[in-house]
Amino acid sequence: MRNALRQPLTWILLMAAGLRLAGLFWGLPGSDGWDDDGFAPRNFLTALALTWKPGAFFTYPPLHAILLAAPSLPVMAWALAHASSLHPADVIATITQPKYMTYFAVVARLVSIVMSLGIIWAIGEMAKLVAGRRAGLFAAGACALGVGLTYYGQVSNLDVPSLFWAVLALWQAMRAVAQYAPRRFWWAALCTAAAIATKDQAYALFALSVPLWLGLWFAADAWPRRKAGRIIVTLLAAAAVAVFALLLVDGAITNWSGFVARLHFLTGPASHDYAEYARGPLGWWGILRDAARYFARGAGVATLALMALGLWRVGRGKYSAAAWLPLLAILSFTICFNLTALRTDDRFLLPQGVLAAFYIGIAADWLLSLGPRALAWAIRAALATIALLALHGAMGVTAAMVWDPRYEAARWLSFQARPGDGIEVYDRNWLLPHLPPSAHAWRVGLGDLKMRSPMPGITELRQPFAAIAVRRPRFVVISRVWARRWLEMPRDLPPGRIYSPLERRDFADAPSHAFFIALTDGRLGYRLVHVARPANGFWPRLHIHDSLNEAIGIYERRP
């Protein structure tokens, strides 16, 4: 332990863990988490139930669900033992109780924290492999301070688990080349399969990068040309085993019809309905423009400059061919996913941000080797300033979770709502504050009730929004990020940007649009009595995955 505490990497990992522990109980205890599209506490159970059911499928592959099932199995068994029967409705009513859901969510978040620390460590090892120990420490530090990794490293989304396996795969492939050890391609192939079996989009990191990189290696180094037969046999054998393992875990072998249906869903509605850019060169330019703006936030301009400097150093031929793989993976993901799915959400730019830390570490290491003492101190001061600015941004994620507006909305309702008061909500589970248990709460919508994720204590109603005069709730709770689909009118977008098909569908829903405009304008007998807003002050106001710093409006029926 004493030796570990003397290592700078230990303190980098401890700092990163501290930044992530704030989110461990974010929004908990509760029957659902506040992380949009979170895999726990509910979705991993659904994935286990549907992946191998003939003809059925779940949106995501099942590998991470299997990993989460191991520590969750005793609690799942306990919940089943206390259900009134094994009928699906009784099982769902029991297992969605907050005490069970909280346990599942905390387990998933702990796993995400550990995997995010593994990503930081692996990025450091990648830089250490090609540029030395100090470059590895700088790369790990740059990775630890990334805003995107700080958020996704403490929630239950699949982006960090998938990226964890992908980064391990890239590291093992780099070791195979830098150390002339082709047997490591086996580990690289298996980790690649694990990444794709966690979230399908991981394929985009490898689709173009690995073939191009292997060709570069063969062209630049005589050793692989001499050992070509051995290397090719190893690559083909490892790829065959990895593909078989992927198909087996994904259910393609045991549930072929469900697997094919999932692929059709992923390449159809799951992709096209959310596209935010036009297809073609104008849309691609818009994606690259918005991605550059995203990475230039805060201290981002300085970090982009450091990445460019690191690429320049690699381009001068100072390092082995292994140093090109992270760049090729960045380009591969951008081309095969961002420019194909037409998305630039925070999670879809996470791989680029993480892999950029590799080149930032190389650049920082080289800068500290320059010139006289005065220049060295100036460089140290500049790097320390960049690190502090990045730390400020990462701590903004912690601040947003600690002072989440949903906490304030829940406190206000607990003081104002009387027993039996009606509270009407419309939102998804993860957008809702915790409602007073003594109140009578219901959720209204037009969709199929079977498609909703049930929440204890909330009655599900399939009714027109405009029938509020019949329901007569005392309070109406609206998440502003959810209601914008009804409150915002279409406006001119930057070149290349478009409204997604889902957004256009919402804009065309005239009755719902008219209802929410009338409700918020006070024309339906309700007035705005409280708005729970993000805290103003020292910390940056981050908006990530519609989960951070989103305001909650509370309306009360006039006497």
Protein backbone atom coordinates (compact mmCIF):
# COMPACT_ATOMS: atom_id res chain seq x y z
CA MET A 1 0.00 0.00 0.00
CA ARG A 2 2.86 2.38 0.82
CA ASN A 3 4.40 1.73 -2.58
CA ALA A 4 1.06 2.36 -4.29
CA LEU A 5 0.56 5.65 -2.47
CA ARG A 6 3.96 6.83 -3.69
CA GLN A 7 2.85 6.43 -7.30
CA PRO A 8 1.38 9.52 -9.04
CA LEU A 9 -0.99 7.27 -11.00
CA THR A 10 -2.59 6.16 -7.73
CA TRP A 11 -3.45 9.75 -6.87
CA ILE A 12 -4.81 10.38 -10.37
CA LEU A 13 -7.12 7.40 -9.98
CA LEU A 14 -8.13 8.43 -6.45
CA MET A 15 -8.98 11.93 -7.70
CA ALA A 16 -11.03 10.46 -10.54
CA ALA A 17 -12.84 8.13 -8.11
CA GLY A 18 -13.64 11.08 -5.85
CA LEU A 19 -15.18 12.98 -8.75
CA ARG A 20 -17.39 10.00 -9.51
CA LEU A 21 -18.56 9.00 -6.05
CA ALA A 22 -20.88 12.04 -5.89
CA GLY A 23 -23.13 10.35 -8.42
CA LEU A 24 -23.34 7.00 -6.64
CA PHE A 25 -26.65 7.85 -4.93
CA TRP A 26 -27.75 10.58 -7.34
CA GLY A 27 -31.56 10.51 -7.37
CA LEU A 28 -31.64 7.53 -5.00
CA PRO A 29 -33.28 5.87 -3.18
CA GLY A 30 -35.94 5.54 -5.83
CA SER A 31 -37.59 3.14 -8.21
CA ASP A 32 -35.64 4.54 -11.16
CA GLY A 33 -32.44 6.46 -11.77
CA TRP A 34 -32.04 9.99 -13.09
CA ASP A 35 -29.59 8.98 -15.82
CA ASP A 36 -31.30 9.14 -19.20
CA ASP A 37 -31.10 5.83 -21.07
CA GLY A 38 -29.53 4.19 -18.02
CA PHE A 39 -29.05 0.42 -18.21
CA ALA A 40 -29.98 0.02 -14.56
CA PRO A 41 -31.97 -0.45 -12.47
CA ARG A 42 -34.46 -1.74 -15.08
CA ASN A 43 -33.07 -2.27 -18.54
CA PHE A 44 -30.52 -4.93 -17.70
CA LEU A 45 -33.32 -7.11 -16.36
CA THR A 46 -35.26 -6.64 -19.61
CA ALA A 47 -32.16 -7.51 -21.64
CA LEU A 48 -31.76 -10.76 -19.71
CA ALA A 49 -35.42 -11.60 -20.29
CA LEU A 50 -35.58 -10.86 -24.03
CA THR A 51 -32.19 -11.57 -25.62
CA TRP A 52 -32.61 -15.35 -25.79
CA LYS A 53 -36.42 -15.44 -25.99
CA PRO A 54 -37.25 -16.81 -29.49
CA GLY A 55 -38.27 -13.99 -31.81
CA ALA A 56 -37.78 -11.28 -29.18
CA PHE A 57 -34.93 -8.81 -28.78
CA PHE A 58 -33.70 -5.96 -26.64
CA THR A 59 -32.13 -2.75 -27.91
CA TYR A 60 -28.69 -3.47 -26.45
CA PRO A 61 -26.52 -6.60 -26.41
CA PRO A 62 -26.56 -8.66 -23.20
CA LEU A 63 -22.93 -8.88 -22.04
CA HIS A 64 -23.15 -6.09 -19.48
CA ALA A 65 -26.52 -7.41 -18.31
CA ILE A 66 -24.82 -10.73 -17.59
CA LEU A 67 -22.06 -8.97 -15.62
CA LEU A 68 -24.59 -7.00 -13.57
CA ALA A 69 -26.72 -10.09 -12.96
CA ALA A 70 -24.00 -11.80 -10.92
CA PRO A 71 -24.00 -9.35 -7.96
CA SER A 72 -27.73 -8.67 -8.40
CA LEU A 73 -28.89 -12.29 -8.38
CA PRO A 74 -29.31 -12.66 -4.58
CA VAL A 75 -31.50 -9.54 -4.39
CA MET A 76 -33.50 -10.62 -7.46
CA ALA A 77 -34.15 -13.99 -5.80
CA TRP A 78 -35.18 -12.25 -2.57
CA ALA A 79 -37.61 -10.03 -4.48
CA LEU A 80 -39.13 -12.99 -6.32
CA ALA A 81 -39.57 -14.83 -3.05
CA HIS A 82 -41.58 -11.89 -1.68
CA ALA A 83 -43.78 -11.41 -4.75
CA SER A 84 -47.43 -12.38 -4.22
CA SER A 85 -47.18 -14.66 -7.27
CA LEU A 86 -44.94 -15.30 -10.27
CA HIS A 87 -47.40 -13.61 -12.61
CA PRO A 88 -45.47 -10.92 -14.58
CA ALA A 89 -47.60 -8.09 -13.16
CA ASP A 90 -46.95 -9.19 -9.57
CA VAL A 91 -43.24 -9.69 -10.21
CA ILE A 92 -42.92 -6.22 -11.78
CA ALA A 93 -44.89 -4.60 -8.94
CA THR A 94 -42.52 -6.18 -6.40
CA ILE A 95 -39.17 -5.77 -8.09
CA THR A 96 -39.76 -2.09 -9.00
CA GLN A 97 -40.02 -1.13 -5.35
CA PRO A 98 -37.36 1.46 -4.41
CA LYS A 99 -35.40 -0.84 -2.08
CA TYR A 100 -34.65 -3.30 -4.88
CA MET A 101 -34.23 -0.74 -7.63
CA THR A 102 -31.81 1.29 -5.52
CA TYR A 103 -29.59 -1.75 -5.01
CA PHE A 104 -29.50 -2.54 -8.74
CA ALA A 105 -28.71 1.08 -9.62
CA VAL A 106 -25.87 1.36 -7.08
CA VAL A 107 -24.31 -1.90 -8.28
CA ALA A 108 -24.37 -0.70 -11.90
CA ARG A 109 -22.90 2.68 -10.98
CA LEU A 110 -20.09 1.08 -8.97
CA VAL A 111 -19.25 -1.09 -11.97
CA SER A 112 -19.21 2.02 -14.19
CA ILE A 113 -16.87 3.79 -11.76
CA VAL A 114 -14.45 0.87 -11.77
CA MET A 115 -14.56 0.60 -15.56
CA SER A 116 -13.99 4.34 -16.01
CA LEU A 117 -10.93 4.08 -13.78
CA GLY A 118 -9.84 1.15 -15.95
CA ILE A 119 -10.15 3.38 -19.03
CA ILE A 120 -7.95 6.03 -17.40
CA TRP A 121 -5.36 3.43 -16.45
CA ALA A 122 -5.37 1.85 -19.93
CA ILE A 123 -4.95 5.23 -21.70
CA GLY A 124 -1.96 5.86 -19.44
CA GLU A 125 -0.51 2.46 -20.33
CA MET A 126 -0.97 3.16 -24.03
CA ALA A 127 1.02 6.40 -23.80
CA LYS A 128 3.61 4.77 -21.51
CA LEU A 129 4.08 2.00 -24.07
CA VAL A 130 5.17 4.34 -26.86
CA ALA A 131 6.49 7.46 -25.08
CA GLY A 132 7.53 6.53 -21.56
CA ARG A 133 6.26 6.69 -17.98
CA ARG A 134 5.83 10.47 -17.74
CA ALA A 135 3.77 10.62 -20.94
CA GLY A 136 1.60 7.87 -19.52
CA LEU A 137 0.93 9.87 -16.35
CA PHE A 138 -0.01 12.98 -18.32
CA ALA A 139 -2.28 10.95 -20.61
CA ALA A 140 -4.01 9.35 -17.61
CA GLY A 141 -4.46 12.77 -15.97
CA ALA A 142 -5.91 14.30 -19.14
CA CYS A 143 -8.32 11.36 -19.47
CA ALA A 144 -9.38 11.61 -15.80
CA LEU A 145 -10.32 15.29 -16.20
CA GLY A 146 -12.60 14.80 -19.20
CA VAL A 147 -16.12 16.11 -18.56
CA GLY A 148 -17.80 13.40 -20.63
CA LEU A 149 -15.96 10.56 -18.91
CA THR A 150 -16.64 12.12 -15.50
CA TYR A 151 -20.39 12.02 -16.15
CA TYR A 152 -20.67 8.67 -17.91
CA GLY A 153 -18.17 7.15 -15.50
CA GLN A 154 -20.69 7.31 -12.65
CA VAL A 155 -24.03 6.51 -14.29
CA SER A 156 -25.39 3.23 -15.59
CA ASN A 157 -25.29 3.97 -19.34
CA LEU A 158 -23.48 1.43 -21.49
CA ASP A 159 -21.08 3.92 -23.06
CA VAL A 160 -18.30 3.56 -20.45
CA PRO A 161 -18.51 -0.26 -20.16
CA SER A 162 -18.33 -0.58 -23.96
CA LEU A 163 -15.46 1.92 -24.17
CA PHE A 164 -13.63 0.09 -21.36
CA TRP A 165 -13.43 -3.09 -23.42
CA ALA A 166 -12.62 -1.12 -26.58
CA VAL A 167 -9.70 0.72 -24.97
CA LEU A 168 -8.34 -2.57 -23.61
CA ALA A 169 -8.56 -3.98 -27.14
CA LEU A 170 -6.64 -1.03 -28.59
CA TRP A 171 -4.00 -1.27 -25.86
CA GLN A 172 -3.44 -4.99 -26.45
CA ALA A 173 -3.19 -4.43 -30.21
CA MET A 174 -0.63 -1.68 -29.62
CA ARG A 175 1.37 -4.04 -27.38
CA ALA A 176 1.28 -6.68 -30.10
CA VAL A 177 2.95 -4.27 -32.51
CA ALA A 178 5.28 -2.34 -30.19
CA GLN A 179 6.58 -5.50 -28.47
CA TYR A 180 6.49 -7.75 -31.56
CA ALA A 181 4.16 -10.13 -29.74
CA PRO A 182 1.42 -11.27 -32.18
CA ARG A 183 -0.15 -13.52 -29.51
CA ARG A 184 -1.56 -10.35 -27.93
CA PHE A 185 -3.87 -10.02 -30.92
CA TRP A 186 -5.90 -12.77 -29.22
CA TRP A 187 -6.62 -10.51 -26.25
CA ALA A 188 -7.30 -7.59 -28.61
CA ALA A 189 -9.84 -9.64 -30.58
CA LEU A 190 -11.64 -10.93 -27.48
CA CYS A 191 -11.83 -7.45 -25.95
CA THR A 192 -13.17 -6.13 -29.26
CA ALA A 193 -15.92 -8.75 -29.15
CA ALA A 194 -16.69 -7.78 -25.55
CA ALA A 195 -16.96 -4.09 -26.51
CA ILE A 196 -19.43 -4.82 -29.33
CA ALA A 197 -21.35 -7.30 -27.14
CA THR A 198 -21.78 -4.47 -24.65
CA LYS A 199 -22.93 -1.82 -27.14
CA ASP A 200 -23.08 -2.36 -30.87
CA GLN A 201 -21.71 1.05 -31.85
CA ALA A 202 -18.26 0.01 -30.60
CA TYR A 203 -17.74 -1.64 -33.99
CA ALA A 204 -17.12 1.85 -35.40
CA LEU A 205 -13.85 2.17 -33.46
CA PHE A 206 -12.36 -0.81 -35.30
CA ALA A 207 -14.06 -1.02 -38.70
CA LEU A 208 -11.59 1.24 -40.53
CA SER A 209 -8.81 1.69 -38.00
CA VAL A 210 -7.55 -1.87 -37.61
CA PRO A 211 -7.20 -2.72 -41.36
CA LEU A 212 -5.52 0.61 -42.10
CA TRP A 213 -3.25 0.36 -39.09
CA LEU A 214 -2.12 -3.19 -39.89
CA GLY A 215 -1.36 -2.09 -43.43
CA LEU A 216 0.67 0.83 -42.07
CA TRP A 217 2.57 -1.51 -39.78
CA PHE A 218 3.44 -3.90 -42.58
CA ALA A 219 4.52 -1.00 -44.80
CA ALA A 220 6.68 0.75 -42.18
CA ASP A 221 8.33 -2.24 -40.47
CA ALA A 222 10.27 -5.13 -42.01
CA TRP A 223 9.62 -7.49 -39.07
CA PRO A 224 5.91 -8.15 -39.79
CA ARG A 225 6.74 -8.76 -43.45
CA ARG A 226 9.22 -11.45 -42.42
CA LYS A 227 6.68 -13.01 -40.04
CA ALA A 228 3.66 -12.42 -42.27
CA GLY A 229 2.47 -16.03 -42.29
CA ARG A 230 2.52 -16.36 -38.51
CA ILE A 231 0.84 -13.00 -37.99
CA ILE A 232 -1.94 -13.61 -40.53
CA VAL A 233 -2.74 -17.04 -39.07
CA THR A 234 -2.93 -15.50 -35.58
CA LEU A 235 -5.16 -12.67 -36.76
CA LEU A 236 -7.56 -14.96 -38.64
CA ALA A 237 -7.83 -17.45 -35.80
CA ALA A 238 -8.37 -14.75 -33.18
CA ALA A 239 -10.96 -13.00 -35.36
CA ALA A 240 -12.87 -16.25 -35.95
CA VAL A 241 -13.05 -17.08 -32.25
CA ALA A 242 -14.05 -13.52 -31.37
CA VAL A 243 -16.84 -13.45 -33.97
CA PHE A 244 -18.17 -16.80 -32.73
CA ALA A 245 -18.12 -15.59 -29.11
CA LEU A 246 -19.89 -12.37 -30.12
CA LEU A 247 -22.65 -14.20 -31.99
CA LEU A 248 -23.08 -16.63 -29.10
CA VAL A 249 -23.41 -13.90 -26.46
CA ASP A 250 -25.60 -11.74 -28.69
CA GLY A 251 -28.08 -14.59 -29.12
CA ALA A 252 -27.54 -14.89 -32.86
CA ILE A 253 -26.92 -18.63 -32.58
CA THR A 254 -29.74 -19.44 -30.16
CA ASN A 255 -32.25 -16.75 -31.27
CA TRP A 256 -31.50 -15.92 -34.89
CA SER A 257 -34.88 -14.31 -35.65
CA GLY A 258 -34.61 -11.99 -32.64
CA PHE A 259 -31.02 -11.09 -33.54
CA VAL A 260 -32.00 -10.16 -37.11
CA ALA A 261 -34.96 -8.14 -35.83
CA ARG A 262 -32.64 -6.23 -33.50
CA LEU A 263 -30.28 -5.38 -36.35
CA HIS A 264 -33.22 -4.11 -38.42
CA PHE A 265 -34.32 -1.99 -35.47
CA LEU A 266 -30.84 -0.55 -34.86
CA THR A 267 -30.28 0.34 -38.52
CA GLY A 268 -33.86 1.61 -38.91
CA PRO A 269 -35.94 3.45 -36.28
CA ALA A 270 -33.23 3.48 -33.60
CA SER A 271 -30.96 5.35 -36.01
CA HIS A 272 -33.09 7.25 -38.53
CA ASP A 273 -35.66 8.61 -36.06
CA TYR A 274 -32.97 10.47 -34.14
CA ALA A 275 -30.79 11.79 -36.98
CA GLU A 276 -30.01 15.48 -36.41
CA TYR A 277 -28.03 16.25 -39.56
CA ALA A 278 -28.75 16.08 -43.27
CA ARG A 279 -27.28 13.20 -45.21
CA GLY A 280 -24.47 14.24 -47.50
CA PRO A 281 -21.53 16.67 -47.43
CA LEU A 282 -23.47 19.56 -45.85
CA GLY A 283 -24.58 17.37 -42.94
CA TRP A 284 -21.10 15.92 -42.52
CA TRP A 285 -19.66 19.43 -42.36
CA GLY A 286 -22.23 20.31 -39.70
CA ILE A 287 -21.19 17.28 -37.63
CA LEU A 288 -17.50 18.18 -37.80
CA ARG A 289 -18.26 21.83 -37.01
CA ASP A 290 -20.38 20.99 -33.96
CA ALA A 291 -17.89 18.39 -32.74
CA ALA A 292 -15.11 20.99 -32.90
CA ARG A 293 -17.26 23.44 -30.93
CA TYR A 294 -18.00 20.74 -28.37
CA PHE A 295 -14.33 19.97 -27.75
CA ALA A 296 -13.41 23.68 -27.68
CA ARG A 297 -15.52 24.37 -24.57
CA GLY A 298 -13.78 25.68 -21.46
CA ALA A 299 -10.11 24.71 -21.60
CA GLY A 300 -10.82 22.73 -24.74
CA VAL A 301 -8.93 25.00 -27.13
CA ALA A 302 -5.74 24.40 -25.15
CA THR A 303 -6.30 20.66 -25.02
CA LEU A 304 -7.01 20.57 -28.76
CA ALA A 305 -3.70 22.39 -29.28
CA LEU A 306 -1.93 19.81 -27.10
CA MET A 307 -3.51 16.99 -29.07
CA ALA A 308 -2.34 18.56 -32.34
CA LEU A 309 1.15 18.90 -30.89
CA GLY A 310 1.11 15.24 -29.85
CA LEU A 311 0.05 14.23 -33.36
CA TRP A 312 2.87 16.33 -34.78
CA ARG A 313 5.35 14.49 -32.58
CA VAL A 314 4.01 11.13 -33.70
CA GLY A 315 4.09 12.30 -37.31
CA ARG A 316 7.78 13.06 -37.05
CA GLY A 317 8.42 9.34 -36.65
CA LYS A 318 9.63 9.49 -33.06
CA TYR A 319 7.47 6.56 -31.99
CA SER A 320 6.50 3.12 -33.28
CA ALA A 321 3.57 2.43 -35.59
CA ALA A 322 1.53 1.61 -32.48
CA ALA A 323 1.15 5.36 -31.83
CA TRP A 324 -1.11 5.77 -34.87
CA LEU A 325 -3.85 3.41 -33.71
CA PRO A 326 -5.67 5.86 -31.36
CA LEU A 327 -5.86 8.46 -34.14
CA LEU A 328 -7.16 5.92 -36.64
CA ALA A 329 -9.73 4.76 -34.07
CA ILE A 330 -10.89 8.38 -33.65
CA LEU A 331 -11.27 8.77 -37.41
CA SER A 332 -12.95 5.38 -37.76
CA PHE A 333 -15.58 6.15 -35.12
CA THR A 334 -16.23 9.59 -36.58
CA ILE A 335 -16.73 8.21 -40.10
CA CYS A 336 -18.48 4.93 -39.30
CA PHE A 337 -20.75 6.23 -36.56
CA ASN A 338 -21.05 10.02 -36.29
CA LEU A 339 -21.22 10.61 -40.05
CA THR A 340 -23.46 7.56 -40.49
CA ALA A 341 -25.87 7.89 -37.55
CA LEU A 342 -25.77 11.71 -37.97
CA ARG A 343 -25.44 12.36 -34.23
CA THR A 344 -23.09 14.44 -32.05
CA ASP A 345 -24.51 13.79 -28.56
CA ASP A 346 -22.05 13.90 -25.65
CA ARG A 347 -21.90 10.10 -25.44
CA PHE A 348 -21.23 9.82 -29.17
CA LEU A 349 -18.17 12.07 -28.85
CA LEU A 350 -16.88 10.30 -25.74
CA PRO A 351 -14.52 7.89 -27.60
CA GLN A 352 -12.79 10.77 -29.38
CA GLY A 353 -12.35 12.71 -26.13
CA VAL A 354 -10.90 9.72 -24.30
CA LEU A 355 -8.47 8.72 -27.06
CA ALA A 356 -7.32 12.32 -27.53
CA ALA A 357 -5.79 12.10 -24.04
CA PHE A 358 -3.18 9.71 -25.46
CA TYR A 359 -1.73 12.45 -27.67
CA ILE A 360 -2.14 15.12 -24.98
CA GLY A 361 0.10 13.03 -22.73
CA ILE A 362 2.76 12.73 -25.44
CA ALA A 363 2.65 16.49 -26.05
CA ALA A 364 2.90 17.41 -22.36
CA ASP A 365 5.84 15.04 -21.88
CA TRP A 366 7.70 16.57 -24.81
CA LEU A 367 7.02 20.15 -23.69
CA LEU A 368 8.53 19.46 -20.27
CA SER A 369 11.73 18.24 -21.91
CA LEU A 370 12.33 21.58 -23.64
CA GLY A 371 14.76 24.37 -23.08
CA PRO A 372 16.15 26.37 -20.17
CA ARG A 373 14.79 26.44 -16.61
CA ALA A 374 12.66 29.59 -17.12
CA LEU A 375 10.87 28.04 -20.11
CA ALA A 376 10.34 24.80 -18.21
CA TRP A 377 8.65 26.63 -15.33
CA ALA A 378 6.47 28.59 -17.75
CA ILE A 379 5.39 25.35 -19.43
CA ARG A 380 4.62 23.78 -16.04
CA ALA A 381 2.51 26.79 -15.08
CA ALA A 382 0.62 26.65 -18.38
CA LEU A 383 -0.05 22.91 -18.06
CA ALA A 384 -1.16 23.36 -14.44
CA THR A 385 -3.58 26.11 -15.51
CA ILE A 386 -5.06 23.91 -18.23
CA ALA A 387 -5.44 21.07 -15.72
CA LEU A 388 -7.19 23.33 -13.19
CA LEU A 389 -9.61 24.59 -15.84
CA ALA A 390 -10.36 21.01 -16.85
CA LEU A 391 -10.84 20.06 -13.19
CA HIS A 392 -13.30 22.93 -12.80
CA GLY A 393 -15.34 21.53 -15.69
CA ALA A 394 -15.25 18.00 -14.32
CA MET A 395 -16.33 19.20 -10.88
CA GLY A 396 -19.25 20.93 -12.59
CA VAL A 397 -20.70 17.44 -13.14
CA THR A 398 -20.48 16.76 -9.40
CA ALA A 399 -22.07 20.12 -8.59
CA ALA A 400 -24.93 19.48 -11.02
CA MET A 401 -25.70 16.18 -9.33
CA VAL A 402 -25.48 17.50 -5.78
CA TRP A 403 -27.73 20.51 -6.53
CA ASP A 404 -30.02 18.77 -9.01
CA PRO A 405 -33.25 20.78 -9.55
CA ARG A 406 -35.26 17.60 -9.00
CA TYR A 407 -34.22 17.63 -5.34
CA GLU A 408 -35.55 21.16 -4.96
CA ALA A 409 -38.81 20.28 -6.74
CA ALA A 410 -39.30 17.27 -4.44
CA ARG A 411 -38.70 19.40 -1.32
CA TRP A 412 -41.16 22.05 -2.50
CA LEU A 413 -43.86 19.49 -3.21
CA SER A 414 -43.33 17.74 0.11
CA PHE A 415 -44.04 21.02 1.93
CA GLN A 416 -46.91 22.24 -0.26
CA ALA A 417 -48.85 19.09 -1.19
CA ARG A 418 -51.49 17.92 1.28
CA PRO A 419 -52.47 14.24 1.70
CA GLY A 420 -54.68 13.19 -1.19
CA ASP A 421 -53.79 16.13 -3.44
CA GLY A 422 -53.73 15.20 -7.11
CA ILE A 423 -50.38 15.59 -8.91
CA GLU A 424 -50.28 15.18 -12.69
CA VAL A 425 -47.08 14.37 -14.53
CA TYR A 426 -46.27 13.56 -18.14
CA ASP A 427 -42.60 12.85 -18.16
CA ARG A 428 -40.36 9.83 -18.50
CA ASN A 429 -39.26 8.11 -15.28
CA TRP A 430 -35.80 9.63 -15.20
CA LEU A 431 -37.13 13.20 -15.53
CA LEU A 432 -39.45 13.04 -12.51
CA PRO A 433 -38.65 14.37 -9.05
CA HIS A 434 -39.60 12.18 -6.13
CA LEU A 435 -43.29 12.81 -5.49
CA PRO A 436 -44.82 12.96 -1.97
CA PRO A 437 -46.05 9.44 -1.04
CA SER A 438 -49.17 10.91 0.59
CA ALA A 439 -50.32 12.56 -2.65
CA HIS A 440 -52.36 10.94 -5.43
CA ALA A 441 -50.11 11.03 -8.50
CA TRP A 442 -50.90 9.99 -12.04
CA ARG A 443 -49.10 10.14 -15.38
CA VAL A 444 -50.98 11.10 -18.54
CA GLY A 445 -50.08 10.27 -22.12
CA LEU A 446 -51.42 9.06 -25.43
CA GLY A 447 -49.16 6.06 -25.97
CA ASP A 448 -49.73 2.40 -25.20
CA LEU A 449 -49.67 1.82 -21.43
CA LYS A 450 -47.74 -1.42 -21.96
CA MET A 451 -44.86 0.60 -23.38
CA ARG A 452 -44.44 2.68 -20.22
CA SER A 453 -41.98 1.79 -17.50
CA PRO A 454 -44.16 1.54 -14.37
CA MET A 455 -43.34 3.44 -11.19
CA PRO A 456 -44.73 2.57 -7.75
CA GLY A 457 -47.25 5.09 -6.46
CA ILE A 458 -48.07 6.55 -9.89
CA THR A 459 -51.29 5.65 -11.73
CA GLU A 460 -50.92 5.37 -15.49
CA LEU A 461 -53.63 7.06 -17.58
CA ARG A 462 -54.09 6.93 -21.34
CA GLN A 463 -56.04 10.12 -21.93
CA PRO A 464 -55.76 13.27 -24.02
CA PHE A 465 -53.71 15.97 -22.34
CA ALA A 466 -56.57 18.41 -22.86
CA ALA A 467 -58.87 16.44 -20.50
CA ILE A 468 -57.15 18.07 -17.53
CA ALA A 469 -60.43 19.76 -16.54
CA VAL A 470 -61.89 16.31 -15.89
CA ARG A 471 -58.88 15.04 -13.95
CA ARG A 472 -58.53 18.28 -11.93
CA PRO A 473 -55.10 17.79 -10.35
CA ARG A 474 -54.00 20.37 -7.83
CA PHE A 475 -50.42 20.38 -9.14
CA VAL A 476 -48.93 19.75 -12.57
CA VAL A 477 -45.21 18.93 -12.70
CA ILE A 478 -43.40 19.47 -16.01
CA SER A 479 -39.77 18.89 -16.90
CA ARG A 480 -38.77 21.76 -19.18
CA VAL A 481 -36.40 19.61 -21.23
CA TRP A 482 -39.26 17.19 -21.96
CA ALA A 483 -41.90 19.88 -22.60
CA ARG A 484 -39.75 21.75 -25.11
CA ARG A 485 -41.06 19.37 -27.78
CA TRP A 486 -44.46 20.99 -27.29
CA LEU A 487 -43.42 24.51 -26.34
CA GLU A 488 -40.76 25.33 -28.91
CA MET A 489 -41.61 26.28 -32.47
CA PRO A 490 -39.37 25.23 -35.36
CA ARG A 491 -36.66 27.76 -36.09
CA ASP A 492 -33.89 28.15 -38.62
CA LEU A 493 -31.01 25.76 -37.93
CA PRO A 494 -27.32 26.09 -38.86
CA PRO A 495 -26.30 24.66 -42.24
CA GLY A 496 -26.36 20.88 -42.17
CA ARG A 497 -28.58 20.60 -39.08
CA ILE A 498 -32.14 19.28 -39.33
CA TYR A 499 -34.93 18.43 -36.94
CA SER A 500 -35.05 14.68 -36.33
CA PRO A 501 -38.11 12.74 -37.54
CA LEU A 502 -39.24 12.43 -33.89
CA GLU A 503 -39.03 16.20 -33.42
CA ARG A 504 -40.93 16.82 -36.65
CA ARG A 505 -43.60 14.38 -35.49
CA ASP A 506 -43.96 16.32 -32.23
CA PHE A 507 -44.18 19.64 -34.05
CA ALA A 508 -47.02 18.19 -36.15
CA ASP A 509 -49.01 17.20 -33.04
CA ALA A 510 -51.18 20.32 -32.98
CA PRO A 511 -53.51 19.31 -30.08
CA SER A 512 -50.63 18.57 -27.70
CA HIS A 513 -48.82 21.71 -28.76
CA ALA A 514 -51.94 23.82 -28.14
CA PHE A 515 -52.49 22.20 -24.73
CA PHE A 516 -49.02 22.88 -23.33
CA ILE A 517 -48.97 26.43 -24.69
CA ALA A 518 -52.34 27.11 -23.05
CA LEU A 519 -51.27 25.44 -19.78
CA THR A 520 -48.04 27.41 -19.45
CA ASP A 521 -49.77 30.64 -20.51
CA GLY A 522 -52.26 30.28 -17.65
CA ARG A 523 -55.31 29.84 -19.90
CA LEU A 524 -56.41 26.50 -18.40
CA GLY A 525 -56.87 27.64 -14.81
CA TYR A 526 -53.32 26.85 -13.68
CA ARG A 527 -50.55 29.21 -12.69
CA LEU A 528 -46.83 28.72 -12.36
CA VAL A 529 -46.03 28.63 -8.65
CA HIS A 530 -42.47 27.32 -8.56
CA VAL A 531 -39.53 26.65 -10.87
CA ALA A 532 -36.67 24.46 -9.67
CA ARG A 533 -33.69 25.77 -11.60
CA PRO A 534 -30.02 24.83 -11.81
CA ALA A 535 -27.89 26.60 -9.23
CA ASN A 536 -26.16 29.73 -10.47
CA GLY A 537 -22.66 30.48 -9.35
CA PHE A 538 -19.13 29.23 -9.59
CA TRP A 539 -19.68 25.94 -11.40
CA PRO A 540 -20.30 25.65 -15.15
CA ARG A 541 -23.88 24.84 -16.12
CA LEU A 542 -23.49 21.59 -18.00
CA HIS A 543 -26.28 19.94 -19.97
CA ILE A 544 -25.48 16.29 -20.67
CA HIS A 545 -27.91 13.70 -22.04
CA ASP A 546 -30.93 15.73 -20.89
CA SER A 547 -30.05 14.66 -17.34
CA LEU A 548 -28.07 17.54 -15.83
CA ASN A 549 -29.25 21.05 -14.90
CA GLU A 550 -32.73 20.77 -16.41
CA ALA A 551 -35.43 22.96 -14.83
CA ILE A 552 -38.69 21.64 -13.36
CA GLY A 553 -41.87 23.77 -13.51
CA ILE A 554 -44.72 23.27 -11.02
CA TYR A 555 -48.20 24.61 -11.80
CA GLU A 556 -51.09 24.88 -9.32
CA ARG A 557 -54.81 24.98 -10.03
CA ARG A 558 -56.33 28.34 -9.23
CA PRO A 559 -59.02 28.34 -6.51
